[in-house]
C-alpha atoms as a PDB file:
ATOM      1  CA  MET A   1      19.826 -15.714  -2.489  1.00  0.00           C
ATOM      2  CA  VAL A   2      19.079 -12.019  -3.050  1.00  0.00           C
ATOM      3  CA  LEU A   3      18.113 -11.358  -6.667  1.00  0.00           C
ATOM      4  CA  GLU A   4      20.233  -9.222  -8.970  1.00  0.00           C
ATOM      5  CA  SER A   5      19.742  -5.554  -8.126  1.00  0.00           C
ATOM      6  CA  ARG A   6      19.357  -3.049 -10.950  1.00  0.00           C
ATOM      7  CA  PRO A   7      19.321   0.677 -10.160  1.00  0.00           C
ATOM      8  CA  PHE A   8      16.660   2.932 -11.621  1.00  0.00           C
ATOM      9  CA  ASN A   9      17.059   6.481 -12.868  1.00  0.00           C
ATOM     10  CA  LYS A  10      13.467   7.412 -13.616  1.00  0.00           C
ATOM     11  CA  VAL A  11      10.279   6.116 -12.019  1.00  0.00           C
ATOM     12  CA  LEU A  12       6.559   6.660 -12.476  1.00  0.00           C
ATOM     13  CA  ILE A  13       4.631   6.438  -9.193  1.00  0.00           C
ATOM     14  CA  THR A  14       0.855   6.182  -9.479  1.00  0.00           C
ATOM     15  CA  GLY A  15      -1.093   7.289  -6.434  1.00  0.00           C
ATOM     16  CA  ALA A  16       1.764   9.677  -5.665  1.00  0.00           C
ATOM     17  CA  GLY A  17      -0.364  11.927  -3.474  1.00  0.00           C
ATOM     18  CA  GLY A  18      -1.356   9.097  -1.190  1.00  0.00           C
ATOM     19  CA  PHE A  19       0.109   7.744   2.022  1.00  0.00           C
ATOM     20  CA  ILE A  20       2.613   5.272   0.591  1.00  0.00           C
ATOM     21  CA  GLY A  21       3.137   7.040  -2.737  1.00  0.00           C
ATOM     22  CA  SER A  22       4.202  10.354  -1.217  1.00  0.00           C
ATOM     23  CA  HIS A  23       6.737   8.696   1.085  1.00  0.00           C
ATOM     24  CA  LEU A  24       8.084   6.605  -1.789  1.00  0.00           C
ATOM     25  CA  ALA A  25       8.505   9.641  -4.034  1.00  0.00           C
ATOM     26  CA  GLU A  26      10.565  11.424  -1.390  1.00  0.00           C
ATOM     27  CA  ARG A  27      12.771   8.368  -0.859  1.00  0.00           C
ATOM     28  CA  CYS A  28      13.374   7.993  -4.605  1.00  0.00           C
ATOM     29  CA  LEU A  29      14.312  11.659  -4.874  1.00  0.00           C
ATOM     30  CA  GLN A  30      16.738  11.248  -1.976  1.00  0.00           C
ATOM     31  CA  MET A  31      18.328   8.391  -3.931  1.00  0.00           C
ATOM     32  CA  GLY A  32      18.855  10.705  -6.903  1.00  0.00           C
ATOM     33  CA  ALA A  33      16.149   9.287  -9.161  1.00  0.00           C
ATOM     34  CA  GLU A  34      13.880  11.377 -11.349  1.00  0.00           C
ATOM     35  CA  VAL A  35      10.260  10.937 -10.264  1.00  0.00           C
ATOM     36  CA  VAL A  36       6.999  11.482 -12.110  1.00  0.00           C
ATOM     37  CA  GLY A  37       4.132  11.393  -9.646  1.00  0.00           C
ATOM     38  CA  LEU A  38       0.659  10.610 -10.975  1.00  0.00           C
ATOM     39  CA  ASP A  39      -2.546  11.225  -9.033  1.00  0.00           C
ATOM     40  CA  CYS A  40      -6.133  12.189  -9.823  1.00  0.00           C
ATOM     41  CA  PHE A  41      -6.724  13.587  -6.310  1.00  0.00           C
ATOM     42  CA  ASP A  42     -10.154  11.973  -6.052  1.00  0.00           C
ATOM     43  CA  ASP A  43     -12.507  12.515  -3.142  1.00  0.00           C
ATOM     44  CA  PHE A  44     -12.166   9.121  -1.420  1.00  0.00           C
ATOM     45  CA  TYR A  45     -10.701  11.276   1.324  1.00  0.00           C
ATOM     46  CA  ASP A  46      -9.972  14.999   1.506  1.00  0.00           C
ATOM     47  CA  PRO A  47      -7.949  15.872  -1.636  1.00  0.00           C
ATOM     48  CA  SER A  48      -6.296  18.752   0.221  1.00  0.00           C
ATOM     49  CA  LEU A  49      -4.495  16.207   2.420  1.00  0.00           C
ATOM     50  CA  LYS A  50      -3.092  14.470  -0.649  1.00  0.00           C
ATOM     51  CA  ARG A  51      -2.030  17.789  -2.151  1.00  0.00           C
ATOM     52  CA  ALA A  52      -0.279  18.633   1.105  1.00  0.00           C
ATOM     53  CA  ASN A  53       1.521  15.280   0.924  1.00  0.00           C
ATOM     54  CA  VAL A  54       3.278  16.233  -2.332  1.00  0.00           C
ATOM     55  CA  GLN A  55       4.349  19.760  -1.374  1.00  0.00           C
ATOM     56  CA  ASP A  56       7.849  18.805  -0.237  1.00  0.00           C
ATOM     57  CA  ALA A  57       8.474  16.709  -3.351  1.00  0.00           C
ATOM     58  CA  LEU A  58       7.320  19.567  -5.593  1.00  0.00           C
ATOM     59  CA  GLN A  59      10.225  21.660  -4.296  1.00  0.00           C
ATOM     60  CA  ASP A  60      12.657  19.165  -5.834  1.00  0.00           C
ATOM     61  CA  PRO A  61      13.601  19.824  -9.493  1.00  0.00           C
ATOM     62  CA  GLY A  62      13.639  16.065 -10.054  1.00  0.00           C
ATOM     63  CA  TYR A  63       9.906  15.753  -9.373  1.00  0.00           C
ATOM     64  CA  THR A  64       7.077  16.234 -11.854  1.00  0.00           C
ATOM     65  CA  LEU A  65       3.417  15.957 -10.874  1.00  0.00           C
ATOM     66  CA  VAL A  66       0.886  14.747 -13.440  1.00  0.00           C
ATOM     67  CA  GLU A  67      -2.818  14.995 -12.625  1.00  0.00           C
ATOM     68  CA  ALA A  68      -4.659  12.241 -14.486  1.00  0.00           C
ATOM     69  CA  ASP A  69      -6.812   9.152 -13.960  1.00  0.00           C
ATOM     70  CA  ILE A  70      -5.229   5.738 -14.506  1.00  0.00           C
ATOM     71  CA  ARG A  71      -8.410   4.679 -16.338  1.00  0.00           C
ATOM     72  CA  ASP A  72      -7.735   7.279 -19.045  1.00  0.00           C
ATOM     73  CA  ARG A  73      -6.100   4.909 -21.508  1.00  0.00           C
ATOM     74  CA  GLU A  74      -4.945   7.556 -23.979  1.00  0.00           C
ATOM     75  CA  SER A  75      -3.289   9.606 -21.257  1.00  0.00           C
ATOM     76  CA  MET A  76      -1.574   6.550 -19.783  1.00  0.00           C
ATOM     77  CA  GLN A  77      -0.338   5.445 -23.202  1.00  0.00           C
ATOM     78  CA  ALA A  78       1.161   8.858 -23.930  1.00  0.00           C
ATOM     79  CA  LEU A  79       2.713   9.156 -20.472  1.00  0.00           C
ATOM     80  CA  VAL A  80       4.376   5.740 -20.549  1.00  0.00           C
ATOM     81  CA  GLN A  81       5.396   5.926 -24.195  1.00  0.00           C
ATOM     82  CA  ASP A  82       7.156   9.265 -23.790  1.00  0.00           C
ATOM     83  CA  GLY A  83       8.288   8.888 -20.184  1.00  0.00           C
ATOM     84  CA  GLY A  84      11.527   6.925 -20.460  1.00  0.00           C
ATOM     85  CA  PHE A  85      10.753   5.086 -17.228  1.00  0.00           C
ATOM     86  CA  ASP A  86      12.884   2.282 -15.824  1.00  0.00           C
ATOM     87  CA  VAL A  87      10.190   1.347 -13.305  1.00  0.00           C
ATOM     88  CA  ILE A  88       6.488   1.930 -12.790  1.00  0.00           C
ATOM     89  CA  MET A  89       5.369   1.654  -9.167  1.00  0.00           C
ATOM     90  CA  HIS A  90       1.607   1.255  -9.346  1.00  0.00           C
ATOM     91  CA  LEU A  91       0.007   2.294  -6.055  1.00  0.00           C
ATOM     92  CA  ALA A  92      -3.129   4.074  -7.277  1.00  0.00           C
ATOM     93  CA  ALA A  93      -6.291   2.253  -6.237  1.00  0.00           C
ATOM     94  CA  ARG A  94      -9.641   2.553  -4.567  1.00  0.00           C
ATOM     95  CA  ALA A  95      -8.754   1.330  -1.083  1.00  0.00           C
ATOM     96  CA  GLY A  96     -10.636  -0.036   1.902  1.00  0.00           C
ATOM     97  CA  VAL A  97     -12.506  -3.245   2.658  1.00  0.00           C
ATOM     98  CA  ARG A  98     -15.689  -1.837   4.191  1.00  0.00           C
ATOM     99  CA  PRO A  99     -16.371   0.877   1.569  1.00  0.00           C
ATOM    100  CA  SER A 100     -15.990  -1.752  -1.170  1.00  0.00           C
ATOM    101  CA  LEU A 101     -19.099  -3.509   0.140  1.00  0.00           C
ATOM    102  CA  GLU A 102     -21.131  -0.412  -0.737  1.00  0.00           C
ATOM    103  CA  ASN A 103     -19.806   0.150  -4.252  1.00  0.00           C
ATOM    104  CA  PRO A 104     -18.076  -2.938  -5.666  1.00  0.00           C
ATOM    105  CA  ALA A 105     -18.461  -1.777  -9.277  1.00  0.00           C
ATOM    106  CA  LEU A 106     -16.385   1.336  -8.604  1.00  0.00           C
ATOM    107  CA  TYR A 107     -13.652  -0.765  -6.987  1.00  0.00           C
ATOM    108  CA  PHE A 108     -13.389  -3.029 -10.012  1.00  0.00           C
ATOM    109  CA  ASP A 109     -13.503  -0.082 -12.394  1.00  0.00           C
ATOM    110  CA  VAL A 110     -10.678   1.819 -10.693  1.00  0.00           C
ATOM    111  CA  ASN A 111      -8.528  -1.082  -9.541  1.00  0.00           C
ATOM    112  CA  VAL A 112      -8.855  -3.588 -12.373  1.00  0.00           C
ATOM    113  CA  GLN A 113      -9.515  -1.323 -15.348  1.00  0.00           C
ATOM    114  CA  GLY A 114      -6.895   1.120 -14.098  1.00  0.00           C
ATOM    115  CA  THR A 115      -4.289  -1.630 -13.791  1.00  0.00           C
ATOM    116  CA  LEU A 116      -5.217  -2.944 -17.243  1.00  0.00           C
ATOM    117  CA  SER A 117      -4.792   0.543 -18.692  1.00  0.00           C
ATOM    118  CA  LEU A 118      -1.244   0.754 -17.329  1.00  0.00           C
ATOM    119  CA  LEU A 119      -0.303  -2.770 -18.375  1.00  0.00           C
ATOM    120  CA  ASP A 120      -1.480  -2.063 -21.911  1.00  0.00           C
ATOM    121  CA  ALA A 121       0.548   1.142 -21.942  1.00  0.00           C
ATOM    122  CA  VAL A 122       3.661  -0.832 -20.960  1.00  0.00           C
ATOM    123  CA  ARG A 123       2.929  -3.587 -23.499  1.00  0.00           C
ATOM    124  CA  ASN A 124       2.502  -1.065 -26.304  1.00  0.00           C
ATOM    125  CA  SER A 125       5.477   1.097 -25.329  1.00  0.00           C
ATOM    126  CA  ASN A 126       8.301  -0.919 -23.797  1.00  0.00           C
ATOM    127  CA  PRO A 127       7.683  -4.346 -22.209  1.00  0.00           C
ATOM    128  CA  ALA A 128      11.116  -4.138 -20.541  1.00  0.00           C
ATOM    129  CA  ILE A 129       9.813  -1.540 -18.068  1.00  0.00           C
ATOM    130  CA  ARG A 130       9.725  -3.036 -14.584  1.00  0.00           C
ATOM    131  CA  PHE A 131       6.140  -3.025 -13.297  1.00  0.00           C
ATOM    132  CA  VAL A 132       5.768  -3.231  -9.518  1.00  0.00           C
ATOM    133  CA  MET A 133       2.251  -3.105  -8.123  1.00  0.00           C
ATOM    134  CA  ALA A 134       0.552  -2.846  -4.768  1.00  0.00           C
ATOM    135  CA  SER A 135      -1.576  -5.824  -3.847  1.00  0.00           C
ATOM    136  CA  SER A 136      -2.951  -6.493  -0.379  1.00  0.00           C
ATOM    137  CA  SER A 137      -2.944  -8.972   2.479  1.00  0.00           C
ATOM    138  CA  SER A 138      -6.731  -8.994   2.070  1.00  0.00           C
ATOM    139  CA  VAL A 139      -6.340 -11.497  -0.795  1.00  0.00           C
ATOM    140  CA  TYR A 140      -5.714 -14.187   1.845  1.00  0.00           C
ATOM    141  CA  GLY A 141      -9.337 -13.875   2.962  1.00  0.00           C
ATOM    142  CA  GLY A 142     -10.285 -15.942   5.970  1.00  0.00           C
ATOM    143  CA  LEU A 143      -7.385 -18.394   5.927  1.00  0.00           C
ATOM    144  CA  SER A 144      -6.942 -20.018   9.324  1.00  0.00           C
ATOM    145  CA  GLN A 145      -3.394 -21.285   8.823  1.00  0.00           C
ATOM    146  CA  THR A 146      -0.810 -18.646   9.691  1.00  0.00           C
ATOM    147  CA  PRO A 147       1.516 -17.049   8.866  1.00  0.00           C
ATOM    148  CA  PHE A 148       0.281 -16.401   5.324  1.00  0.00           C
ATOM    149  CA  SER A 149       2.668 -17.451   2.556  1.00  0.00           C
ATOM    150  CA  GLU A 150       2.705 -16.475  -1.100  1.00  0.00           C
ATOM    151  CA  THR A 151       2.081 -20.125  -2.022  1.00  0.00           C
ATOM    152  CA  ASP A 152      -1.191 -20.266  -0.039  1.00  0.00           C
ATOM    153  CA  GLU A 153      -4.474 -20.644  -1.909  1.00  0.00           C
ATOM    154  CA  VAL A 154      -6.070 -17.215  -2.388  1.00  0.00           C
ATOM    155  CA  SER A 155      -9.107 -17.954  -4.545  1.00  0.00           C
ATOM    156  CA  CYS A 156     -11.680 -17.080  -1.851  1.00  0.00           C
ATOM    157  CA  PRO A 157     -11.504 -13.336  -1.044  1.00  0.00           C
ATOM    158  CA  VAL A 158     -14.138 -12.089   1.400  1.00  0.00           C
ATOM    159  CA  SER A 159     -14.629  -8.508   0.153  1.00  0.00           C
ATOM    160  CA  PRO A 160     -14.921  -6.803  -3.245  1.00  0.00           C
ATOM    161  CA  TYR A 161     -11.721  -4.887  -2.479  1.00  0.00           C
ATOM    162  CA  ALA A 162      -9.823  -8.137  -1.916  1.00  0.00           C
ATOM    163  CA  ALA A 163     -11.361  -9.647  -5.049  1.00  0.00           C
ATOM    164  CA  SER A 164     -10.263  -6.637  -7.098  1.00  0.00           C
ATOM    165  CA  LYS A 165      -6.695  -6.958  -5.832  1.00  0.00           C
ATOM    166  CA  LYS A 166      -6.622 -10.671  -6.616  1.00  0.00           C
ATOM    167  CA  ALA A 167      -7.969  -9.899 -10.093  1.00  0.00           C
ATOM    168  CA  CYS A 168      -5.117  -7.427 -10.601  1.00  0.00           C
ATOM    169  CA  GLU A 169      -2.564 -10.095  -9.669  1.00  0.00           C
ATOM    170  CA  VAL A 170      -4.089 -12.548 -12.148  1.00  0.00           C
ATOM    171  CA  LEU A 171      -4.157  -9.898 -14.860  1.00  0.00           C
ATOM    172  CA  ALA A 172      -0.536  -8.985 -14.175  1.00  0.00           C
ATOM    173  CA  TYR A 173       0.559 -12.610 -14.440  1.00  0.00           C
ATOM    174  CA  THR A 174      -1.263 -12.899 -17.770  1.00  0.00           C
ATOM    175  CA  TYR A 175       0.575  -9.874 -19.156  1.00  0.00           C
ATOM    176  CA  HIS A 176       3.901 -11.179 -17.922  1.00  0.00           C
ATOM    177  CA  ASN A 177       3.206 -14.537 -19.536  1.00  0.00           C
ATOM    178  CA  LEU A 178       2.087 -13.040 -22.859  1.00  0.00           C
ATOM    179  CA  TYR A 179       4.475 -10.098 -23.190  1.00  0.00           C
ATOM    180  CA  ASN A 180       7.359 -10.924 -20.821  1.00  0.00           C
ATOM    181  CA  ILE A 181       6.860  -7.775 -18.746  1.00  0.00           C
ATOM    182  CA  PRO A 182       8.856  -8.070 -15.478  1.00  0.00           C
ATOM    183  CA  ILE A 183       6.256  -7.763 -12.710  1.00  0.00           C
ATOM    184  CA  SER A 184       6.258  -7.949  -8.918  1.00  0.00           C
ATOM    185  CA  ALA A 185       3.059  -7.793  -6.838  1.00  0.00           C
ATOM    186  CA  LEU A 186       3.501  -6.634  -3.251  1.00  0.00           C
ATOM    187  CA  ARG A 187       0.981  -7.799  -0.673  1.00  0.00           C
ATOM    188  CA  PHE A 188       1.054  -5.032   1.934  1.00  0.00           C
ATOM    189  CA  PHE A 189       0.076  -5.850   5.508  1.00  0.00           C
ATOM    190  CA  THR A 190      -1.743  -3.008   7.369  1.00  0.00           C
ATOM    191  CA  VAL A 191       0.645  -0.139   6.731  1.00  0.00           C
ATOM    192  CA  TYR A 192       0.588   2.742   9.231  1.00  0.00           C
ATOM    193  CA  GLY A 193       2.510   5.891  10.065  1.00  0.00           C
ATOM    194  CA  PRO A 194       2.613   9.602   9.175  1.00  0.00           C
ATOM    195  CA  ARG A 195       0.167  10.654   6.406  1.00  0.00           C
ATOM    196  CA  GLN A 196      -1.922   7.495   6.658  1.00  0.00           C
ATOM    197  CA  ARG A 197      -5.450   7.802   5.352  1.00  0.00           C
ATOM    198  CA  PRO A 198      -7.888   9.322   7.860  1.00  0.00           C
ATOM    199  CA  GLU A 199     -10.362   6.425   7.622  1.00  0.00           C
ATOM    200  CA  MET A 200      -7.761   3.835   8.652  1.00  0.00           C
ATOM    201  CA  ALA A 201      -8.186   2.428  12.154  1.00  0.00           C
ATOM    202  CA  ILE A 202      -5.023   3.850  13.710  1.00  0.00           C
ATOM    203  CA  ALA A 203      -5.734   7.334  12.331  1.00  0.00           C
ATOM    204  CA  LYS A 204      -9.342   7.218  13.531  1.00  0.00           C
ATOM    205  CA  PHE A 205      -8.312   5.934  16.953  1.00  0.00           C
ATOM    206  CA  ALA A 206      -5.693   8.674  17.272  1.00  0.00           C
ATOM    207  CA  LYS A 207      -8.254  11.380  16.515  1.00  0.00           C
ATOM    208  CA  LEU A 208     -10.692   9.922  19.049  1.00  0.00           C
ATOM    209  CA  LEU A 209      -7.991   9.667  21.719  1.00  0.00           C
ATOM    210  CA  GLN A 210      -7.008  13.290  21.180  1.00  0.00           C
ATOM    211  CA  GLU A 211     -10.642  14.414  21.365  1.00  0.00           C
ATOM    212  CA  GLY A 212     -11.628  12.234  24.330  1.00  0.00           C
ATOM    213  CA  GLY A 213     -13.994  10.055  22.311  1.00  0.00           C
ATOM    214  CA  SER A 214     -14.715   6.340  22.668  1.00  0.00           C
ATOM    215  CA  ILE A 215     -12.697   3.833  20.640  1.00  0.00           C
ATOM    216  CA  PRO A 216     -14.908   1.392  18.685  1.00  0.00           C
ATOM    217  CA  MET A 217     -13.676  -2.173  19.261  1.00  0.00           C
ATOM    218  CA  PHE A 218     -15.244  -4.541  16.765  1.00  0.00           C
ATOM    219  CA  GLY A 219     -15.559  -7.973  18.333  1.00  0.00           C
ATOM    220  CA  ASP A 220     -13.906  -8.971  21.597  1.00  0.00           C
ATOM    221  CA  GLY A 221     -10.532  -7.413  20.771  1.00  0.00           C
ATOM    222  CA  SER A 222      -8.891 -10.700  19.808  1.00  0.00           C
ATOM    223  CA  THR A 223      -8.719 -10.004  16.069  1.00  0.00           C
ATOM    224  CA  ALA A 224      -5.083  -9.497  15.095  1.00  0.00           C
ATOM    225  CA  ARG A 225      -3.198  -7.630  12.406  1.00  0.00           C
ATOM    226  CA  ASP A 226       0.355  -7.575  11.134  1.00  0.00           C
ATOM    227  CA  TYR A 227       0.944  -3.819  11.445  1.00  0.00           C
ATOM    228  CA  THR A 228       3.780  -2.564   9.236  1.00  0.00           C
ATOM    229  CA  TYR A 229       5.455   0.810   9.714  1.00  0.00           C
ATOM    230  CA  ILE A 230       5.710   3.003   6.620  1.00  0.00           C
ATOM    231  CA  ASP A 231       9.528   3.234   6.649  1.00  0.00           C
ATOM    232  CA  ASP A 232       9.823  -0.560   6.556  1.00  0.00           C
ATOM    233  CA  ILE A 233       7.340  -0.756   3.688  1.00  0.00           C
ATOM    234  CA  ILE A 234       9.256   1.844   1.688  1.00  0.00           C
ATOM    235  CA  ASP A 235      12.467  -0.140   2.218  1.00  0.00           C
ATOM    236  CA  GLY A 236      10.720  -3.208   0.795  1.00  0.00           C
ATOM    237  CA  VAL A 237       9.211  -1.333  -2.137  1.00  0.00           C
ATOM    238  CA  ILE A 238      12.586   0.121  -3.140  1.00  0.00           C
ATOM    239  CA  ARG A 239      14.155  -3.331  -3.054  1.00  0.00           C
ATOM    240  CA  ALA A 240      11.302  -4.741  -5.150  1.00  0.00           C
ATOM    241  CA  MET A 241      11.806  -1.972  -7.711  1.00  0.00           C
ATOM    242  CA  GLU A 242      15.510  -2.782  -7.894  1.00  0.00           C
ATOM    243  CA  CYS A 243      15.059  -6.567  -7.999  1.00  0.00           C
ATOM    244  CA  CYS A 244      12.069  -6.968 -10.325  1.00  0.00           C
ATOM    245  CA  HIS A 245      12.553 -10.044 -12.509  1.00  0.00           C
ATOM    246  CA  GLY A 246      10.048 -12.429 -14.069  1.00  0.00           C
ATOM    247  CA  TYR A 247       6.741 -12.555 -12.181  1.00  0.00           C
ATOM    248  CA  GLU A 248       6.856 -12.640  -8.399  1.00  0.00           C
ATOM    249  CA  VAL A 249       4.498 -12.052  -5.487  1.00  0.00           C
ATOM    250  CA  TYR A 250       5.892 -10.860  -2.149  1.00  0.00           C
ATOM    251  CA  ASN A 251       4.440 -10.380   1.307  1.00  0.00           C
ATOM    252  CA  LEU A 252       5.603  -7.122   2.885  1.00  0.00           C
ATOM    253  CA  GLY A 253       4.735  -7.096   6.584  1.00  0.00           C
ATOM    254  CA  GLU A 254       6.469  -7.096   9.951  1.00  0.00           C
ATOM    255  CA  SER A 255       5.767 -10.815  10.512  1.00  0.00           C
ATOM    256  CA  ARG A 256       4.429 -10.045  13.993  1.00  0.00           C
ATOM    257  CA  THR A 257       0.812  -9.761  15.105  1.00  0.00           C
ATOM    258  CA  THR A 258      -0.905  -7.352  17.477  1.00  0.00           C
ATOM    259  CA  THR A 259      -4.456  -7.890  18.710  1.00  0.00           C
ATOM    260  CA  LEU A 260      -6.972  -5.082  18.535  1.00  0.00           C
ATOM    261  CA  SER A 261      -7.107  -4.789  22.317  1.00  0.00           C
ATOM    262  CA  GLU A 262      -3.288  -4.619  22.468  1.00  0.00           C
ATOM    263  CA  LEU A 263      -3.267  -1.946  19.766  1.00  0.00           C
ATOM    264  CA  ILE A 264      -5.777   0.215  21.619  1.00  0.00           C
ATOM    265  CA  SER A 265      -3.777  -0.115  24.838  1.00  0.00           C
ATOM    266  CA  GLN A 266      -0.485   0.755  23.115  1.00  0.00           C
ATOM    267  CA  MET A 267      -2.089   3.745  21.411  1.00  0.00           C
ATOM    268  CA  GLY A 268      -3.309   4.970  24.782  1.00  0.00           C
ATOM    269  CA  GLU A 269       0.269   4.810  26.055  1.00  0.00           C
ATOM    270  CA  ALA A 270       1.604   6.617  22.976  1.00  0.00           C
ATOM    271  CA  PHE A 271      -0.910   9.446  23.418  1.00  0.00           C
ATOM    272  CA  GLY A 272      -0.771   9.493  27.215  1.00  0.00           C
ATOM    273  CA  VAL A 273      -4.465   8.779  27.779  1.00  0.00           C
ATOM    274  CA  THR A 274      -6.613   5.895  29.010  1.00  0.00           C
ATOM    275  CA  PRO A 275      -8.858   4.764  26.132  1.00  0.00           C
ATOM    276  CA  ASN A 276     -12.615   4.558  26.538  1.00  0.00           C
ATOM    277  CA  ILE A 277     -13.750   1.492  24.595  1.00  0.00           C
ATOM    278  CA  GLU A 278     -17.100   0.914  22.885  1.00  0.00           C
ATOM    279  CA  GLU A 279     -17.613  -2.779  22.058  1.00  0.00           C
ATOM    280  CA  LEU A 280     -19.315  -3.422  18.714  1.00  0.00           C
ATOM    281  CA  PRO A 281     -20.042  -6.537  16.610  1.00  0.00           C
ATOM    282  CA  LEU A 282     -17.579  -7.721  13.978  1.00  0.00           C
ATOM    283  CA  GLN A 283     -18.068  -6.075  10.580  1.00  0.00           C
ATOM    284  CA  PRO A 284     -18.843  -7.911   7.313  1.00  0.00           C
ATOM    285  CA  GLY A 285     -15.739  -8.401   5.179  1.00  0.00           C
ATOM    286  CA  ASP A 286     -13.337  -8.225   8.119  1.00  0.00           C
ATOM    287  CA  VAL A 287     -10.969 -11.123   8.785  1.00  0.00           C
ATOM    288  CA  THR A 288      -9.825 -12.379  12.181  1.00  0.00           C
ATOM    289  CA  ILE A 289      -6.082 -12.258  11.525  1.00  0.00           C
ATOM    290  CA  THR A 290      -3.417 -11.138   9.078  1.00  0.00           C
ATOM    291  CA  TYR A 291       0.111 -12.433   9.576  1.00  0.00           C
ATOM    292  CA  ALA A 292       2.859 -12.336   6.950  1.00  0.00           C
ATOM    293  CA  ASN A 293       5.460 -14.965   6.258  1.00  0.00           C
ATOM    294  CA  ILE A 294       8.209 -12.755   4.819  1.00  0.00           C
ATOM    295  CA  ASP A 295      10.809 -15.445   4.148  1.00  0.00           C
ATOM    296  CA  LYS A 296      10.567 -14.974   0.377  1.00  0.00           C
ATOM    297  CA  ALA A 297      10.994 -11.196   0.590  1.00  0.00           C
ATOM    298  CA  ARG A 298      13.960 -11.657   2.923  1.00  0.00           C
ATOM    299  CA  GLU A 299      15.574 -14.157   0.547  1.00  0.00           C
ATOM    300  CA  HIS A 300      14.894 -12.417  -2.783  1.00  0.00           C
ATOM    301  CA  LEU A 301      14.941  -8.758  -1.765  1.00  0.00           C
ATOM    302  CA  GLY A 302      16.928  -8.584   1.444  1.00  0.00           C
ATOM    303  CA  TYR A 303      13.807  -7.150   3.092  1.00  0.00           C
ATOM    304  CA  ASP A 304      14.400  -6.662   6.815  1.00  0.00           C
ATOM    305  CA  PRO A 305      11.642  -4.818   8.721  1.00  0.00           C
ATOM    306  CA  HIS A 306      12.564  -3.782  12.237  1.00  0.00           C
ATOM    307  CA  THR A 307      10.012  -1.293  13.628  1.00  0.00           C
ATOM    308  CA  LEU A 308       8.042  -2.662  16.573  1.00  0.00           C
ATOM    309  CA  VAL A 309       4.430  -1.490  16.762  1.00  0.00           C
ATOM    310  CA  VAL A 310       4.996   0.278  20.082  1.00  0.00           C
ATOM    311  CA  ASP A 311       7.843   2.285  18.515  1.00  0.00           C
ATOM    312  CA  GLY A 312       5.929   3.027  15.323  1.00  0.00           C
ATOM    313  CA  LEU A 313       2.921   4.268  17.280  1.00  0.00           C
ATOM    314  CA  SER A 314       5.182   6.528  19.324  1.00  0.00           C
ATOM    315  CA  ARG A 315       6.640   8.040  16.135  1.00  0.00           C
ATOM    316  CA  TYR A 316       3.161   8.486  14.698  1.00  0.00           C
ATOM    317  CA  ALA A 317       1.974  10.272  17.845  1.00  0.00           C
ATOM    318  CA  GLU A 318       5.015  12.574  17.713  1.00  0.00           C
ATOM    319  CA  TRP A 319       4.263  13.384  14.065  1.00  0.00           C
ATOM    320  CA  LEU A 320       0.651  14.243  14.869  1.00  0.00           C
ATOM    321  CA  ARG A 321       1.714  16.491  17.725  1.00  0.00           C
ATOM    322  CA  ALA A 322       4.185  18.281  15.439  1.00  0.00           C
ATOM    323  CA  GLY A 323       1.358  19.150  13.039  1.00  0.00           C
ATOM    324  CA  VAL A 324       3.303  18.646   9.797  1.00  0.00           C
ATOM    325  CA  ARG A 325       2.568  16.632   6.651  1.00  0.00           C
END
């Protein structure tokens, strides 16, 4: 049964200059909500890309951009206390599995301390604020049984990034249990589409295809991912914001898998070129498969993703050719 839906009039989106955050802000504005976008525009990737992502939203009188760091506890307390928010959608994080191997302390500082800063701001201001947060399919680690379900054991992450996301889920549950904050954690499965981060595989492959470079294929091409188009993810996030009750964890994916070799082939078709492939060994921290069981999200949220990878890649290629943000 779909949970009770409650509209929202004002939302705080952390990580608003990023891939998912910028799309979400625009959707919320289209729905008539007032949006406060928060971002520190760090240098994990080119800040000018993130600033370009928010330009359309800044033209809307319902949008306010705040430049601050989620680890700045005083700033977060003041923002949440005075904001009048119905919902906080917490997307800000240090992302990426492989970079987390190089600097795990930074990942825990940004992801865990930043989440704690926001949770404390909610606790001290208004525990009735709905708190929806981005988690990750990486928390499932190297599980062999698929598809992954929210009830699966996730105590063995295989990268510092995954461990930080699991820590955030545990922290969020603790704050729900102690202070009755309504919280939903969304485990995203390999989101792709316009504005995606330049270090993500699909974005890197697209650049190489356009430039005639070789595509690095880690392993034999049999590793598989549940690739989820951005529009489907935004649909799921909106529903989670409307239906946030108690403490819940949801998988948001397509519930279909595509192997790496299939992805490279489909990208070649989308860009009209034959890929040159460079075979490389598997990387530390990578997992062999991600595959979402989305039954719970369907039942509770009415989540219904529908974009096939081949169609999503075609849309992404069209967006790149158009040269817009």
